[in-house]
Amino acid sequence: MNKNELHATWVESQLRDAQWQTSSESSGGTNCVQIAFLDQGVVALRDSKNPDKAPHLFTDSEYTAFIGGIIRGELRRG
């Protein structure tokens, strides 16, 4: 699956019906990242403070690599 070739109507429909998940570690769900697992192996990631802004879309494997980088500490500043 190439996420860059997803039809805009499909993406809009998926995002409209998405079940967004917020970390249980967040402060009331208003200051964190949210994810939604869409069909066709697509993962959407958005800022909870700006839910109307277009989310970043990842394939399952890209999302797994992203989370792995976080766990390994590869995405820390400096």
N, C-alpha and C. Protein backbone atom coordinates (compact mmCIF):
# COMPACT_ATOMS: atom_id res chain seq x y z
N MET A 1 0.85 -1.18 0.00
CA MET A 1 0.00 0.00 0.00
C MET A 1 0.89 1.24 0.00
N ASN A 2 0.59 2.16 -0.88
CA ASN A 2 1.30 3.43 -0.94
C ASN A 2 0.38 4.50 -0.41
N LYS A 3 0.70 5.03 0.76
CA LYS A 3 -0.20 5.99 1.39
C LYS A 3 -0.33 7.27 0.57
N ASN A 4 0.64 7.54 -0.29
CA ASN A 4 0.59 8.75 -1.12
C ASN A 4 -0.41 8.63 -2.26
N GLU A 5 -0.91 7.44 -2.50
CA GLU A 5 -1.87 7.21 -3.57
C GLU A 5 -3.29 6.99 -3.05
N LEU A 6 -3.52 7.26 -1.77
CA LEU A 6 -4.86 7.10 -1.20
C LEU A 6 -5.78 8.17 -1.76
N HIS A 7 -6.98 7.78 -2.07
CA HIS A 7 -7.96 8.71 -2.61
C HIS A 7 -8.42 9.66 -1.52
N ALA A 8 -8.48 10.94 -1.82
CA ALA A 8 -8.84 11.97 -0.83
C ALA A 8 -10.20 11.71 -0.18
N THR A 9 -11.16 11.22 -0.95
CA THR A 9 -12.49 10.94 -0.40
C THR A 9 -12.41 9.81 0.62
N TRP A 10 -11.60 8.79 0.34
CA TRP A 10 -11.43 7.70 1.28
C TRP A 10 -10.80 8.21 2.57
N VAL A 11 -9.75 9.02 2.44
CA VAL A 11 -9.07 9.57 3.62
C VAL A 11 -10.05 10.40 4.45
N GLU A 12 -10.81 11.27 3.80
CA GLU A 12 -11.79 12.11 4.52
C GLU A 12 -12.80 11.25 5.27
N SER A 13 -13.29 10.21 4.63
CA SER A 13 -14.26 9.31 5.26
C SER A 13 -13.64 8.60 6.46
N GLN A 14 -12.43 8.11 6.29
CA GLN A 14 -11.75 7.41 7.37
C GLN A 14 -11.51 8.34 8.57
N LEU A 15 -11.09 9.57 8.31
CA LEU A 15 -10.82 10.51 9.39
C LEU A 15 -12.11 10.96 10.09
N ARG A 16 -13.18 11.09 9.33
CA ARG A 16 -14.46 11.49 9.90
C ARG A 16 -14.96 10.44 10.89
N ASP A 17 -14.73 9.17 10.57
CA ASP A 17 -15.21 8.07 11.40
C ASP A 17 -14.14 7.52 12.36
N ALA A 18 -12.99 8.16 12.39
CA ALA A 18 -11.86 7.64 13.18
C ALA A 18 -12.16 7.63 14.68
N GLN A 19 -11.63 6.63 15.33
CA GLN A 19 -11.70 6.51 16.79
C GLN A 19 -10.32 6.95 17.32
N TRP A 20 -10.21 8.21 17.68
CA TRP A 20 -8.93 8.75 18.14
C TRP A 20 -8.60 8.27 19.53
N GLN A 21 -7.36 7.88 19.73
CA GLN A 21 -6.89 7.40 21.03
C GLN A 21 -5.90 8.42 21.60
N THR A 22 -6.04 8.66 22.88
CA THR A 22 -5.17 9.58 23.59
C THR A 22 -4.46 8.81 24.69
N SER A 23 -3.21 9.10 24.90
CA SER A 23 -2.46 8.43 25.95
C SER A 23 -3.11 8.63 27.31
N SER A 24 -3.09 7.60 28.10
CA SER A 24 -3.63 7.71 29.46
C SER A 24 -2.74 8.59 30.33
N GLU A 25 -1.55 8.91 29.84
CA GLU A 25 -0.62 9.77 30.57
C GLU A 25 -0.87 11.25 30.30
N SER A 26 -1.77 11.58 29.40
CA SER A 26 -2.01 12.99 29.05
C SER A 26 -2.81 13.68 30.13
N SER A 27 -2.73 15.00 30.11
CA SER A 27 -3.48 15.79 31.11
C SER A 27 -4.84 16.15 30.54
N GLY A 28 -5.79 15.27 30.69
CA GLY A 28 -7.14 15.52 30.22
C GLY A 28 -7.31 15.40 28.71
N GLY A 29 -6.30 14.88 28.02
CA GLY A 29 -6.42 14.69 26.57
C GLY A 29 -6.33 15.98 25.77
N THR A 30 -5.79 17.03 26.35
CA THR A 30 -5.77 18.31 25.63
C THR A 30 -4.37 18.76 25.26
N ASN A 31 -3.36 18.01 25.62
CA ASN A 31 -2.00 18.46 25.35
C ASN A 31 -1.12 17.28 24.96
N CYS A 32 -1.50 16.60 23.90
CA CYS A 32 -0.75 15.42 23.53
C CYS A 32 -0.99 15.04 22.07
N VAL A 33 -0.42 13.94 21.72
CA VAL A 33 -0.59 13.37 20.38
C VAL A 33 -1.71 12.35 20.46
N GLN A 34 -2.52 12.30 19.41
CA GLN A 34 -3.58 11.29 19.32
C GLN A 34 -3.34 10.45 18.07
N ILE A 35 -3.73 9.17 18.15
CA ILE A 35 -3.61 8.29 16.99
C ILE A 35 -4.95 7.65 16.69
N ALA A 36 -5.10 7.28 15.43
CA ALA A 36 -6.26 6.52 14.99
C ALA A 36 -5.77 5.48 13.98
N PHE A 37 -6.22 4.25 14.17
CA PHE A 37 -5.86 3.18 13.25
C PHE A 37 -6.97 3.08 12.20
N LEU A 38 -6.62 3.41 10.96
CA LEU A 38 -7.58 3.42 9.85
C LEU A 38 -7.51 2.10 9.10
N ASP A 39 -8.40 1.92 8.17
CA ASP A 39 -8.39 0.73 7.32
C ASP A 39 -7.15 0.75 6.43
N GLN A 40 -6.90 -0.35 5.77
CA GLN A 40 -5.81 -0.52 4.80
C GLN A 40 -4.43 -0.30 5.42
N GLY A 41 -4.30 -0.49 6.73
CA GLY A 41 -2.99 -0.39 7.36
C GLY A 41 -2.46 1.03 7.46
N VAL A 42 -3.35 1.99 7.61
CA VAL A 42 -2.95 3.39 7.72
C VAL A 42 -3.15 3.84 9.17
N VAL A 43 -2.17 4.59 9.68
CA VAL A 43 -2.24 5.14 11.03
C VAL A 43 -2.20 6.66 10.89
N ALA A 44 -3.15 7.34 11.54
CA ALA A 44 -3.20 8.81 11.53
C ALA A 44 -2.72 9.32 12.88
N LEU A 45 -1.93 10.38 12.85
CA LEU A 45 -1.37 10.97 14.05
C LEU A 45 -1.66 12.46 14.02
N ARG A 46 -2.21 13.01 15.11
CA ARG A 46 -2.54 14.43 15.14
C ARG A 46 -2.24 15.03 16.51
N ASP A 47 -2.20 16.36 16.52
CA ASP A 47 -2.00 17.13 17.75
C ASP A 47 -3.38 17.38 18.35
N SER A 48 -3.57 17.00 19.60
CA SER A 48 -4.88 17.15 20.23
C SER A 48 -5.29 18.62 20.37
N LYS A 49 -4.33 19.53 20.35
CA LYS A 49 -4.66 20.95 20.45
C LYS A 49 -5.16 21.52 19.12
N ASN A 50 -4.87 20.81 18.03
CA ASN A 50 -5.27 21.26 16.70
C ASN A 50 -5.94 20.11 15.94
N PRO A 51 -7.06 19.61 16.44
CA PRO A 51 -7.66 18.43 15.82
C PRO A 51 -8.21 18.66 14.41
N ASP A 52 -8.42 19.91 14.02
CA ASP A 52 -8.93 20.18 12.67
C ASP A 52 -7.82 20.27 11.63
N LYS A 53 -6.58 20.32 12.07
CA LYS A 53 -5.44 20.34 11.16
C LYS A 53 -5.23 18.93 10.61
N ALA A 54 -4.82 18.84 9.37
CA ALA A 54 -4.63 17.53 8.74
C ALA A 54 -3.62 16.70 9.52
N PRO A 55 -3.97 15.44 9.82
CA PRO A 55 -3.03 14.59 10.56
C PRO A 55 -1.93 14.06 9.65
N HIS A 56 -0.87 13.59 10.27
CA HIS A 56 0.18 12.89 9.53
C HIS A 56 -0.30 11.46 9.34
N LEU A 57 -0.07 10.91 8.16
CA LEU A 57 -0.47 9.53 7.86
C LEU A 57 0.76 8.67 7.73
N PHE A 58 0.72 7.50 8.34
CA PHE A 58 1.81 6.54 8.30
C PHE A 58 1.26 5.19 7.85
N THR A 59 2.11 4.39 7.22
CA THR A 59 1.77 2.99 7.03
C THR A 59 2.02 2.30 8.37
N ASP A 60 1.50 1.09 8.54
CA ASP A 60 1.76 0.35 9.78
C ASP A 60 3.26 0.23 10.04
N SER A 61 4.04 -0.10 9.02
CA SER A 61 5.48 -0.29 9.22
C SER A 61 6.18 1.03 9.55
N GLU A 62 5.76 2.14 8.95
CA GLU A 62 6.33 3.44 9.30
C GLU A 62 6.01 3.81 10.74
N TYR A 63 4.77 3.54 11.16
CA TYR A 63 4.37 3.84 12.53
C TYR A 63 5.16 2.99 13.52
N THR A 64 5.34 1.71 13.21
CA THR A 64 6.12 0.83 14.07
C THR A 64 7.56 1.34 14.21
N ALA A 65 8.15 1.77 13.10
CA ALA A 65 9.51 2.32 13.14
C ALA A 65 9.56 3.61 13.96
N PHE A 66 8.55 4.46 13.82
CA PHE A 66 8.47 5.71 14.57
C PHE A 66 8.41 5.44 16.07
N ILE A 67 7.51 4.54 16.48
CA ILE A 67 7.36 4.18 17.90
C ILE A 67 8.66 3.54 18.41
N GLY A 68 9.27 2.69 17.59
CA GLY A 68 10.54 2.08 17.98
C GLY A 68 11.61 3.12 18.24
N GLY A 69 11.66 4.15 17.40
CA GLY A 69 12.62 5.23 17.60
C GLY A 69 12.38 5.98 18.89
N ILE A 70 11.12 6.17 19.23
CA ILE A 70 10.79 6.83 20.49
C ILE A 70 11.26 5.97 21.67
N ILE A 71 10.94 4.69 21.63
CA ILE A 71 11.30 3.78 22.72
C ILE A 71 12.82 3.71 22.89
N ARG A 72 13.56 3.70 21.78
CA ARG A 72 15.01 3.62 21.85
C ARG A 72 15.67 4.97 22.17
N GLY A 73 14.88 6.03 22.26
CA GLY A 73 15.42 7.35 22.58
C GLY A 73 16.07 8.06 21.41
N GLU A 74 15.80 7.60 20.19
CA GLU A 74 16.43 8.19 19.01
C GLU A 74 15.84 9.53 18.61
N LEU A 75 14.68 9.89 19.16
CA LEU A 75 14.01 11.11 18.74
C LEU A 75 14.08 12.21 19.79
N ARG A 76 15.05 12.09 20.68
CA ARG A 76 15.22 13.14 21.70
C ARG A 76 16.03 14.28 21.13
N ARG A 77 15.71 15.46 21.58
CA ARG A 77 16.45 16.67 21.18
C ARG A 77 17.82 16.65 21.85
N GLY A 78 18.84 16.90 21.04
CA GLY A 78 20.20 17.05 21.56
C GLY A 78 20.66 15.91 22.28
